[in-house]
């Protein structure tokens, strides 16, 4: 998360509680905490440690495309980045938007 939060980030934060209540473990990571971690240039989902879906956004936060990869190097990079960032991630109920 860039801080202070953009309007889009505030909106994302504001709609997360019902998902947390349903059991999803949503966490937030201020960018200042992950400066020394290699992170892919786009948001992503990892499925079964075999497939990565990269999400592409416009500057206003609207999704523009998705890229799918089964390349083991992409999967390894994303898995490694996720695990490293997760160490610094703040649970939704503890994160206080700036």
PDB file of N, CA and C in Angstrom:
ATOM      1  N   UNK A   1       0.839  -1.172   0.000  1.00  0.00           N
ATOM      2  CA  UNK A   1       0.000   0.000   0.000  1.00  0.00           C
ATOM      3  C   UNK A   1       0.886   1.237   0.000  1.00  0.00           C
ATOM      4  N   UNK A   2       0.581   2.126  -0.917  1.00  0.00           N
ATOM      5  CA  UNK A   2       1.214   3.436  -0.873  1.00  0.00           C
ATOM      6  C   UNK A   2       0.508   4.236   0.209  1.00  0.00           C
ATOM      7  N   UNK A   3       1.271   4.942   0.992  1.00  0.00           N
ATOM      8  CA  UNK A   3       0.683   5.775   2.051  1.00  0.00           C
ATOM      9  C   UNK A   3       1.137   7.219   1.861  1.00  0.00           C
ATOM     10  N   UNK A   4       0.224   8.173   1.929  1.00  0.00           N
ATOM     11  CA  UNK A   4      -1.192   7.976   2.241  1.00  0.00           C
ATOM     12  C   UNK A   4      -1.918   7.218   1.125  1.00  0.00           C
ATOM     13  N   UNK A   5      -3.003   6.545   1.507  1.00  0.00           N
ATOM     14  CA  UNK A   5      -3.756   5.726   0.585  1.00  0.00           C
ATOM     15  C   UNK A   5      -4.431   6.574  -0.485  1.00  0.00           C
ATOM     16  N   UNK A   6      -4.482   6.020  -1.689  1.00  0.00           N
ATOM     17  CA  UNK A   6      -5.234   6.663  -2.768  1.00  0.00           C
ATOM     18  C   UNK A   6      -6.723   6.410  -2.529  1.00  0.00           C
ATOM     19  N   UNK A   7      -7.555   7.094  -3.277  1.00  0.00           N
ATOM     20  CA  UNK A   7      -8.998   6.853  -3.165  1.00  0.00           C
ATOM     21  C   UNK A   7      -9.323   5.390  -3.445  1.00  0.00           C
ATOM     22  N   UNK A   8      -8.661   4.816  -4.449  1.00  0.00           N
ATOM     23  CA  UNK A   8      -8.909   3.414  -4.796  1.00  0.00           C
ATOM     24  C   UNK A   8      -8.487   2.484  -3.651  1.00  0.00           C
ATOM     25  N   UNK A   9      -7.339   2.752  -3.035  1.00  0.00           N
ATOM     26  CA  UNK A   9      -6.883   1.915  -1.924  1.00  0.00           C
ATOM     27  C   UNK A   9      -7.824   2.044  -0.735  1.00  0.00           C
ATOM     28  N   UNK A  10      -8.304   3.258  -0.471  1.00  0.00           N
ATOM     29  CA  UNK A  10      -9.268   3.440   0.630  1.00  0.00           C
ATOM     30  C   UNK A  10     -10.540   2.642   0.358  1.00  0.00           C
ATOM     31  N   UNK A  11     -10.992   2.680  -0.898  1.00  0.00           N
ATOM     32  CA  UNK A  11     -12.189   1.926  -1.268  1.00  0.00           C
ATOM     33  C   UNK A  11     -11.940   0.430  -1.061  1.00  0.00           C
ATOM     34  N   UNK A  12     -10.794  -0.078  -1.523  1.00  0.00           N
ATOM     35  CA  UNK A  12     -10.466  -1.492  -1.357  1.00  0.00           C
ATOM     36  C   UNK A  12     -10.469  -1.885   0.118  1.00  0.00           C
ATOM     37  N   UNK A  13      -9.868  -1.039   0.933  1.00  0.00           N
ATOM     38  CA  UNK A  13      -9.845  -1.299   2.372  1.00  0.00           C
ATOM     39  C   UNK A  13     -11.276  -1.302   2.941  1.00  0.00           C
ATOM     40  N   UNK A  14     -12.093  -0.368   2.487  1.00  0.00           N
ATOM     41  CA  UNK A  14     -13.443  -0.198   3.047  1.00  0.00           C
ATOM     42  C   UNK A  14     -14.369  -1.378   2.747  1.00  0.00           C
ATOM     43  N   UNK A  15     -14.103  -2.124   1.697  1.00  0.00           N
ATOM     44  CA  UNK A  15     -14.988  -3.244   1.358  1.00  0.00           C
ATOM     45  C   UNK A  15     -14.444  -4.598   1.808  1.00  0.00           C
ATOM     46  N   UNK A  16     -13.317  -4.621   2.494  1.00  0.00           N
ATOM     47  CA  UNK A  16     -12.658  -5.877   2.849  1.00  0.00           C
ATOM     48  C   UNK A  16     -13.266  -6.582   4.066  1.00  0.00           C
ATOM     49  N   UNK A  17     -13.868  -5.862   4.981  1.00  0.00           N
ATOM     50  CA  UNK A  17     -14.323  -6.475   6.240  1.00  0.00           C
ATOM     51  C   UNK A  17     -15.272  -7.655   6.045  1.00  0.00           C
ATOM     52  N   UNK A  18     -16.262  -7.571   5.150  1.00  0.00           N
ATOM     53  CA  UNK A  18     -17.128  -8.753   4.971  1.00  0.00           C
ATOM     54  C   UNK A  18     -16.358  -9.993   4.511  1.00  0.00           C
ATOM     55  N   UNK A  19     -15.326  -9.812   3.723  1.00  0.00           N
ATOM     56  CA  UNK A  19     -14.513 -10.948   3.281  1.00  0.00           C
ATOM     57  C   UNK A  19     -13.714 -11.520   4.446  1.00  0.00           C
ATOM     58  N   UNK A  20     -13.206 -10.635   5.311  1.00  0.00           N
ATOM     59  CA  UNK A  20     -12.495 -11.081   6.512  1.00  0.00           C
ATOM     60  C   UNK A  20     -13.461 -11.833   7.419  1.00  0.00           C
ATOM     61  N   UNK A  21     -14.650 -11.288   7.586  1.00  0.00           N
ATOM     62  CA  UNK A  21     -15.665 -11.938   8.419  1.00  0.00           C
ATOM     63  C   UNK A  21     -16.017 -13.335   7.897  1.00  0.00           C
ATOM     64  N   UNK A  22     -15.914 -13.515   6.581  1.00  0.00           N
ATOM     65  CA  UNK A  22     -16.227 -14.806   5.960  1.00  0.00           C
ATOM     66  C   UNK A  22     -15.049 -15.781   6.042  1.00  0.00           C
ATOM     67  N   UNK A  23     -13.897 -15.315   6.564  1.00  0.00           N
ATOM     68  CA  UNK A  23     -12.771 -16.209   6.765  1.00  0.00           C
ATOM     69  C   UNK A  23     -11.549 -15.941   5.913  1.00  0.00           C
ATOM     70  N   UNK A  24     -11.600 -14.945   5.021  1.00  0.00           N
ATOM     71  CA  UNK A  24     -10.422 -14.645   4.203  1.00  0.00           C
ATOM     72  C   UNK A  24      -9.394 -13.890   5.046  1.00  0.00           C
ATOM     73  N   UNK A  25      -8.141 -14.241   4.885  1.00  0.00           N
ATOM     74  CA  UNK A  25      -7.052 -13.599   5.625  1.00  0.00           C
ATOM     75  C   UNK A  25      -6.491 -12.472   4.762  1.00  0.00           C
ATOM     76  N   UNK A  26      -7.066 -11.298   4.887  1.00  0.00           N
ATOM     77  CA  UNK A  26      -6.631 -10.143   4.102  1.00  0.00           C
ATOM     78  C   UNK A  26      -5.642  -9.344   4.935  1.00  0.00           C
ATOM     79  N   UNK A  27      -4.534  -9.031   4.307  1.00  0.00           N
ATOM     80  CA  UNK A  27      -3.487  -8.263   4.979  1.00  0.00           C
ATOM     81  C   UNK A  27      -3.030  -7.126   4.097  1.00  0.00           C
ATOM     82  N   UNK A  28      -2.457  -6.117   4.726  1.00  0.00           N
ATOM     83  CA  UNK A  28      -2.006  -4.916   4.036  1.00  0.00           C
ATOM     84  C   UNK A  28      -0.530  -4.709   4.345  1.00  0.00           C
ATOM     85  N   UNK A  29       0.218  -4.271   3.348  1.00  0.00           N
ATOM     86  CA  UNK A  29       1.651  -4.082   3.529  1.00  0.00           C
ATOM     87  C   UNK A  29       2.036  -2.683   3.058  1.00  0.00           C
ATOM     88  N   UNK A  30       2.405  -1.802   3.975  1.00  0.00           N
ATOM     89  CA  UNK A  30       2.909  -0.494   3.562  1.00  0.00           C
ATOM     90  C   UNK A  30       4.202  -0.664   2.755  1.00  0.00           C
ATOM     91  N   UNK A  31       4.304   0.034   1.643  1.00  0.00           N
ATOM     92  CA  UNK A  31       5.470  -0.091   0.762  1.00  0.00           C
ATOM     93  C   UNK A  31       6.782   0.172   1.498  1.00  0.00           C
ATOM     94  N   UNK A  32       6.761   1.055   2.495  1.00  0.00           N
ATOM     95  CA  UNK A  32       7.994   1.394   3.214  1.00  0.00           C
ATOM     96  C   UNK A  32       8.603   0.196   3.919  1.00  0.00           C
ATOM     97  N   UNK A  33       7.801  -0.859   4.163  1.00  0.00           N
ATOM     98  CA  UNK A  33       8.294  -2.045   4.866  1.00  0.00           C
ATOM     99  C   UNK A  33       8.928  -3.076   3.939  1.00  0.00           C
ATOM    100  N   UNK A  34       8.757  -2.911   2.626  1.00  0.00           N
ATOM    101  CA  UNK A  34       9.229  -3.949   1.712  1.00  0.00           C
ATOM    102  C   UNK A  34      10.228  -3.422   0.679  1.00  0.00           C
ATOM    103  N   UNK A  35      10.925  -2.373   1.015  1.00  0.00           N
ATOM    104  CA  UNK A  35      11.859  -1.757   0.068  1.00  0.00           C
ATOM    105  C   UNK A  35      12.950  -2.703  -0.403  1.00  0.00           C
ATOM    106  N   UNK A  36      13.356  -3.644   0.412  1.00  0.00           N
ATOM    107  CA  UNK A  36      14.465  -4.524   0.045  1.00  0.00           C
ATOM    108  C   UNK A  36      14.010  -5.902  -0.454  1.00  0.00           C
ATOM    109  N   UNK A  37      12.722  -6.031  -0.782  1.00  0.00           N
ATOM    110  CA  UNK A  37      12.197  -7.303  -1.281  1.00  0.00           C
ATOM    111  C   UNK A  37      11.934  -7.183  -2.781  1.00  0.00           C
ATOM    112  N   UNK A  38      12.414  -8.173  -3.534  1.00  0.00           N
ATOM    113  CA  UNK A  38      12.140  -8.211  -4.976  1.00  0.00           C
ATOM    114  C   UNK A  38      10.684  -8.614  -5.186  1.00  0.00           C
ATOM    115  N   UNK A  39       9.919  -7.699  -5.766  1.00  0.00           N
ATOM    116  CA  UNK A  39       8.490  -7.917  -5.962  1.00  0.00           C
ATOM    117  C   UNK A  39       8.174  -7.757  -7.447  1.00  0.00           C
ATOM    118  N   UNK A  40       7.375  -8.676  -8.021  1.00  0.00           N
ATOM    119  CA  UNK A  40       6.979  -8.501  -9.416  1.00  0.00           C
ATOM    120  C   UNK A  40       6.318  -7.141  -9.637  1.00  0.00           C
ATOM    121  N   UNK A  41       6.412  -6.650 -10.849  1.00  0.00           N
ATOM    122  CA  UNK A  41       5.897  -5.324 -11.174  1.00  0.00           C
ATOM    123  C   UNK A  41       4.388  -5.214 -11.207  1.00  0.00           C
ATOM    124  N   UNK A  42       3.679  -6.327 -11.140  1.00  0.00           N
ATOM    125  CA  UNK A  42       2.216  -6.322 -11.181  1.00  0.00           C
ATOM    126  C   UNK A  42       1.654  -7.175 -10.054  1.00  0.00           C
ATOM    127  N   UNK A  43       0.429  -6.852  -9.653  1.00  0.00           N
ATOM    128  CA  UNK A  43      -0.268  -7.717  -8.710  1.00  0.00           C
ATOM    129  C   UNK A  43      -0.439  -9.081  -9.371  1.00  0.00           C
ATOM    130  N   UNK A  44      -0.633 -10.111  -8.550  1.00  0.00           N
ATOM    131  CA  UNK A  44      -0.738 -11.454  -9.118  1.00  0.00           C
ATOM    132  C   UNK A  44      -1.491 -12.382  -8.189  1.00  0.00           C
ATOM    133  N   UNK A  45      -1.980 -13.451  -8.776  1.00  0.00           N
ATOM    134  CA  UNK A  45      -2.528 -14.587  -8.045  1.00  0.00           C
ATOM    135  C   UNK A  45      -1.681 -15.794  -8.409  1.00  0.00           C
ATOM    136  N   UNK A  46      -1.445 -16.679  -7.430  1.00  0.00           N
ATOM    137  CA  UNK A  46      -0.758 -17.943  -7.677  1.00  0.00           C
ATOM    138  C   UNK A  46      -1.773 -19.056  -7.430  1.00  0.00           C
ATOM    139  N   UNK A  47      -1.869 -19.982  -8.366  1.00  0.00           N
ATOM    140  CA  UNK A  47      -2.784 -21.110  -8.233  1.00  0.00           C
ATOM    141  C   UNK A  47      -1.991 -22.412  -8.193  1.00  0.00           C
ATOM    142  N   UNK A  48      -2.134 -23.138  -7.083  1.00  0.00           N
ATOM    143  CA  UNK A  48      -1.515 -24.461  -6.921  1.00  0.00           C
ATOM    144  C   UNK A  48      -0.011 -24.462  -7.173  1.00  0.00           C
ATOM    145  N   UNK A  49       0.643 -23.341  -6.943  1.00  0.00           N
ATOM    146  CA  UNK A  49       2.094 -23.226  -7.172  1.00  0.00           C
ATOM    147  C   UNK A  49       2.500 -23.690  -8.568  1.00  0.00           C
ATOM    148  N   UNK A  50       1.578 -23.528  -9.524  1.00  0.00           N
ATOM    149  CA  UNK A  50       1.853 -23.946 -10.893  1.00  0.00           C
ATOM    150  C   UNK A  50       1.477 -22.890 -11.928  1.00  0.00           C
ATOM    151  N   UNK A  51       0.651 -21.942 -11.543  1.00  0.00           N
ATOM    152  CA  UNK A  51       0.145 -20.962 -12.493  1.00  0.00           C
ATOM    153  C   UNK A  51       0.082 -19.597 -11.822  1.00  0.00           C
ATOM    154  N   UNK A  52       0.512 -18.575 -12.548  1.00  0.00           N
ATOM    155  CA  UNK A  52       0.444 -17.202 -12.056  1.00  0.00           C
ATOM    156  C   UNK A  52      -0.433 -16.402 -13.010  1.00  0.00           C
ATOM    157  N   UNK A  53      -1.314 -15.598 -12.436  1.00  0.00           N
ATOM    158  CA  UNK A  53      -2.093 -14.648 -13.227  1.00  0.00           C
ATOM    159  C   UNK A  53      -1.668 -13.259 -12.776  1.00  0.00           C
ATOM    160  N   UNK A  54      -1.056 -12.519 -13.706  1.00  0.00           N
ATOM    161  CA  UNK A  54      -0.654 -11.144 -13.430  1.00  0.00           C
ATOM    162  C   UNK A  54      -1.812 -10.220 -13.782  1.00  0.00           C
ATOM    163  N   UNK A  55      -2.088  -9.255 -12.909  1.00  0.00           N
ATOM    164  CA  UNK A  55      -3.175  -8.301 -13.108  1.00  0.00           C
ATOM    165  C   UNK A  55      -2.582  -6.960 -13.513  1.00  0.00           C
ATOM    166  N   UNK A  56      -3.125  -6.379 -14.565  1.00  0.00           N
ATOM    167  CA  UNK A  56      -2.633  -5.101 -15.066  1.00  0.00           C
ATOM    168  C   UNK A  56      -3.698  -4.034 -14.839  1.00  0.00           C
ATOM    169  N   UNK A  57      -3.261  -2.875 -14.345  1.00  0.00           N
ATOM    170  CA  UNK A  57      -4.170  -1.789 -14.008  1.00  0.00           C
ATOM    171  C   UNK A  57      -3.745  -0.493 -14.680  1.00  0.00           C
ATOM    172  N   UNK A  58      -4.732   0.342 -14.945  1.00  0.00           N
ATOM    173  CA  UNK A  58      -4.470   1.710 -15.403  1.00  0.00           C
ATOM    174  C   UNK A  58      -4.135   2.550 -14.168  1.00  0.00           C
ATOM    175  N   UNK A  59      -3.655   3.751 -14.378  1.00  0.00           N
ATOM    176  CA  UNK A  59      -3.301   4.635 -13.275  1.00  0.00           C
ATOM    177  C   UNK A  59      -4.451   4.969 -12.357  1.00  0.00           C
ATOM    178  N   UNK A  60      -5.684   4.875 -12.858  1.00  0.00           N
ATOM    179  CA  UNK A  60      -6.854   5.187 -12.032  1.00  0.00           C
ATOM    180  C   UNK A  60      -7.375   3.965 -11.277  1.00  0.00           C
ATOM    181  N   UNK A  61      -6.663   2.834 -11.376  1.00  0.00           N
ATOM    182  CA  UNK A  61      -7.047   1.642 -10.631  1.00  0.00           C
ATOM    183  C   UNK A  61      -7.925   0.666 -11.395  1.00  0.00           C
ATOM    184  N   UNK A  62      -8.350   1.029 -12.600  1.00  0.00           N
ATOM    185  CA  UNK A  62      -9.189   0.115 -13.367  1.00  0.00           C
ATOM    186  C   UNK A  62      -8.344  -0.986 -13.998  1.00  0.00           C
ATOM    187  N   UNK A  63      -8.849  -2.212 -13.924  1.00  0.00           N
ATOM    188  CA  UNK A  63      -8.160  -3.330 -14.539  1.00  0.00           C
ATOM    189  C   UNK A  63      -8.158  -3.193 -16.056  1.00  0.00           C
ATOM    190  N   UNK A  64      -7.025  -3.498 -16.671  1.00  0.00           N
ATOM    191  CA  UNK A  64      -6.928  -3.386 -18.123  1.00  0.00           C
ATOM    192  C   UNK A  64      -6.651  -4.723 -18.795  1.00  0.00           C
ATOM    193  N   UNK A  65      -6.027  -5.671 -18.093  1.00  0.00           N
ATOM    194  CA  UNK A  65      -5.686  -6.955 -18.711  1.00  0.00           C
ATOM    195  C   UNK A  65      -5.207  -7.930 -17.644  1.00  0.00           C
ATOM    196  N   UNK A  66      -5.100  -9.180 -18.060  1.00  0.00           N
ATOM    197  CA  UNK A  66      -4.509 -10.239 -17.234  1.00  0.00           C
ATOM    198  C   UNK A  66      -3.550 -11.015 -18.122  1.00  0.00           C
ATOM    199  N   UNK A  67      -2.456 -11.450 -17.552  1.00  0.00           N
ATOM    200  CA  UNK A  67      -1.492 -12.286 -18.253  1.00  0.00           C
ATOM    201  C   UNK A  67      -1.328 -13.573 -17.455  1.00  0.00           C
ATOM    202  N   UNK A  68      -1.430 -14.708 -18.115  1.00  0.00           N
ATOM    203  CA  UNK A  68      -1.303 -16.008 -17.464  1.00  0.00           C
ATOM    204  C   UNK A  68       0.067 -16.593 -17.786  1.00  0.00           C
ATOM    205  N   UNK A  69       0.718 -17.159 -16.774  1.00  0.00           N
ATOM    206  CA  UNK A  69       2.027 -17.788 -16.983  1.00  0.00           C
ATOM    207  C   UNK A  69       2.110 -19.090 -16.197  1.00  0.00           C
ATOM    208  N   UNK A  70       2.652 -20.090 -16.852  1.00  0.00           N
ATOM    209  CA  UNK A  70       2.985 -21.354 -16.187  1.00  0.00           C
ATOM    210  C   UNK A  70       4.506 -21.529 -16.118  1.00  0.00           C
ATOM    211  N   UNK A  71       5.219 -20.483 -16.476  1.00  0.00           N
ATOM    212  CA  UNK A  71       6.687 -20.523 -16.466  1.00  0.00           C
ATOM    213  C   UNK A  71       7.154 -20.754 -15.027  1.00  0.00           C
ATOM    214  N   UNK A  72       7.903 -21.810 -14.776  1.00  0.00           N
ATOM    215  CA  UNK A  72       8.366 -22.094 -13.413  1.00  0.00           C
ATOM    216  C   UNK A  72       9.139 -20.931 -12.781  1.00  0.00           C
ATOM    217  N   UNK A  73       9.854 -20.146 -13.581  1.00  0.00           N
ATOM    218  CA  UNK A  73      10.592 -18.999 -13.033  1.00  0.00           C
ATOM    219  C   UNK A  73       9.630 -17.925 -12.529  1.00  0.00           C
ATOM    220  N   UNK A  74       8.533 -17.707 -13.262  1.00  0.00           N
ATOM    221  CA  UNK A  74       7.525 -16.736 -12.811  1.00  0.00           C
ATOM    222  C   UNK A  74       6.867 -17.208 -11.520  1.00  0.00           C
ATOM    223  N   UNK A  75       6.518 -18.489 -11.476  1.00  0.00           N
ATOM    224  CA  UNK A  75       5.883 -19.050 -10.278  1.00  0.00           C
ATOM    225  C   UNK A  75       6.825 -18.933  -9.085  1.00  0.00           C
ATOM    226  N   UNK A  76       8.093 -19.275  -9.291  1.00  0.00           N
ATOM    227  CA  UNK A  76       9.078 -19.213  -8.202  1.00  0.00           C
ATOM    228  C   UNK A  76       9.253 -17.783  -7.705  1.00  0.00           C
ATOM    229  N   UNK A  77       9.365 -16.816  -8.628  1.00  0.00           N
ATOM    230  CA  UNK A  77       9.510 -15.409  -8.240  1.00  0.00           C
ATOM    231  C   UNK A  77       8.310 -14.948  -7.431  1.00  0.00           C
ATOM    232  N   UNK A  78       7.115 -15.239  -7.916  1.00  0.00           N
ATOM    233  CA  UNK A  78       5.907 -14.781  -7.224  1.00  0.00           C
ATOM    234  C   UNK A  78       5.744 -15.457  -5.866  1.00  0.00           C
ATOM    235  N   UNK A  79       6.030 -16.741  -5.782  1.00  0.00           N
ATOM    236  CA  UNK A  79       5.931 -17.460  -4.504  1.00  0.00           C
ATOM    237  C   UNK A  79       6.917 -16.883  -3.497  1.00  0.00           C
ATOM    238  N   UNK A  80       8.147 -16.648  -3.955  1.00  0.00           N
ATOM    239  CA  UNK A  80       9.182 -16.093  -3.088  1.00  0.00           C
ATOM    240  C   UNK A  80       8.795 -14.697  -2.610  1.00  0.00           C
ATOM    241  N   UNK A  81       8.290 -13.870  -3.523  1.00  0.00           N
ATOM    242  CA  UNK A  81       7.880 -12.507  -3.158  1.00  0.00           C
ATOM    243  C   UNK A  81       6.734 -12.543  -2.158  1.00  0.00           C
ATOM    244  N   UNK A  82       5.745 -13.390  -2.417  1.00  0.00           N
ATOM    245  CA  UNK A  82       4.605 -13.481  -1.505  1.00  0.00           C
ATOM    246  C   UNK A  82       5.061 -13.883  -0.112  1.00  0.00           C
ATOM    247  N   UNK A  83       5.888 -14.921  -0.030  1.00  0.00           N
ATOM    248  CA  UNK A  83       6.345 -15.386   1.281  1.00  0.00           C
ATOM    249  C   UNK A  83       7.135 -14.310   2.024  1.00  0.00           C
ATOM    250  N   UNK A  84       7.980 -13.573   1.299  1.00  0.00           N
ATOM    251  CA  UNK A  84       8.786 -12.520   1.927  1.00  0.00           C
ATOM    252  C   UNK A  84       7.912 -11.364   2.410  1.00  0.00           C
ATOM    253  N   UNK A  85       6.964 -10.964   1.595  1.00  0.00           N
ATOM    254  CA  UNK A  85       6.092  -9.833   1.951  1.00  0.00           C
ATOM    255  C   UNK A  85       5.143 -10.220   3.090  1.00  0.00           C
ATOM    256  N   UNK A  86       4.676 -11.464   3.084  1.00  0.00           N
ATOM    257  CA  UNK A  86       3.719 -11.924   4.099  1.00  0.00           C
ATOM    258  C   UNK A  86       4.273 -11.729   5.511  1.00  0.00           C
ATOM    259  N   UNK A  87       5.588 -11.828   5.638  1.00  0.00           N
ATOM    260  CA  UNK A  87       6.229 -11.643   6.940  1.00  0.00           C
ATOM    261  C   UNK A  87       5.958 -10.248   7.513  1.00  0.00           C
ATOM    262  N   UNK A  88       5.775  -9.274   6.639  1.00  0.00           N
ATOM    263  CA  UNK A  88       5.551  -7.887   7.066  1.00  0.00           C
ATOM    264  C   UNK A  88       4.081  -7.470   6.990  1.00  0.00           C
ATOM    265  N   UNK A  89       3.241  -8.346   6.498  1.00  0.00           N
ATOM    266  CA  UNK A  89       1.832  -8.012   6.252  1.00  0.00           C
ATOM    267  C   UNK A  89       1.084  -7.799   7.563  1.00  0.00           C
ATOM    268  N   UNK A  90       0.233  -6.792   7.565  1.00  0.00           N
ATOM    269  CA  UNK A  90      -0.552  -6.423   8.745  1.00  0.00           C
ATOM    270  C   UNK A  90      -1.985  -6.917   8.541  1.00  0.00           C
ATOM    271  N   UNK A  91      -2.503  -7.762   9.448  1.00  0.00           N
ATOM    272  CA  UNK A  91      -3.875  -8.233   9.306  1.00  0.00           C
ATOM    273  C   UNK A  91      -4.864  -7.064   9.188  1.00  0.00           C
ATOM    274  N   UNK A  92      -5.906  -7.281   8.415  1.00  0.00           N
ATOM    275  CA  UNK A  92      -6.886  -6.232   8.140  1.00  0.00           C
ATOM    276  C   UNK A  92      -7.365  -5.542   9.421  1.00  0.00           C
ATOM    277  N   UNK A  93      -7.697  -6.325  10.422  1.00  0.00           N
ATOM    278  CA  UNK A  93      -8.241  -5.744  11.665  1.00  0.00           C
ATOM    279  C   UNK A  93      -7.226  -4.916  12.441  1.00  0.00           C
ATOM    280  N   UNK A  94      -5.936  -5.065  12.104  1.00  0.00           N
ATOM    281  CA  UNK A  94      -4.892  -4.301  12.809  1.00  0.00           C
ATOM    282  C   UNK A  94      -4.365  -3.121  11.992  1.00  0.00           C
ATOM    283  N   UNK A  95      -4.594  -3.147  10.683  1.00  0.00           N
ATOM    284  CA  UNK A  95      -4.069  -2.074   9.829  1.00  0.00           C
ATOM    285  C   UNK A  95      -4.915  -0.815   9.989  1.00  0.00           C
ATOM    286  N   UNK A  96      -4.257   0.298  10.192  1.00  0.00           N
ATOM    287  CA  UNK A  96      -4.933   1.587  10.313  1.00  0.00           C
ATOM    288  C   UNK A  96      -4.570   2.437   9.107  1.00  0.00           C
ATOM    289  N   UNK A  97      -5.525   2.665   8.191  1.00  0.00           N
ATOM    290  CA  UNK A  97      -5.220   3.438   6.985  1.00  0.00           C
ATOM    291  C   UNK A  97      -4.641   4.814   7.296  1.00  0.00           C
ATOM    292  N   UNK A  98      -3.666   5.187   6.512  1.00  0.00           N
ATOM    293  CA  UNK A  98      -3.019   6.500   6.649  1.00  0.00           C
ATOM    294  C   UNK A  98      -3.532   7.395   5.542  1.00  0.00           C
TER     295      UNK A  98
END
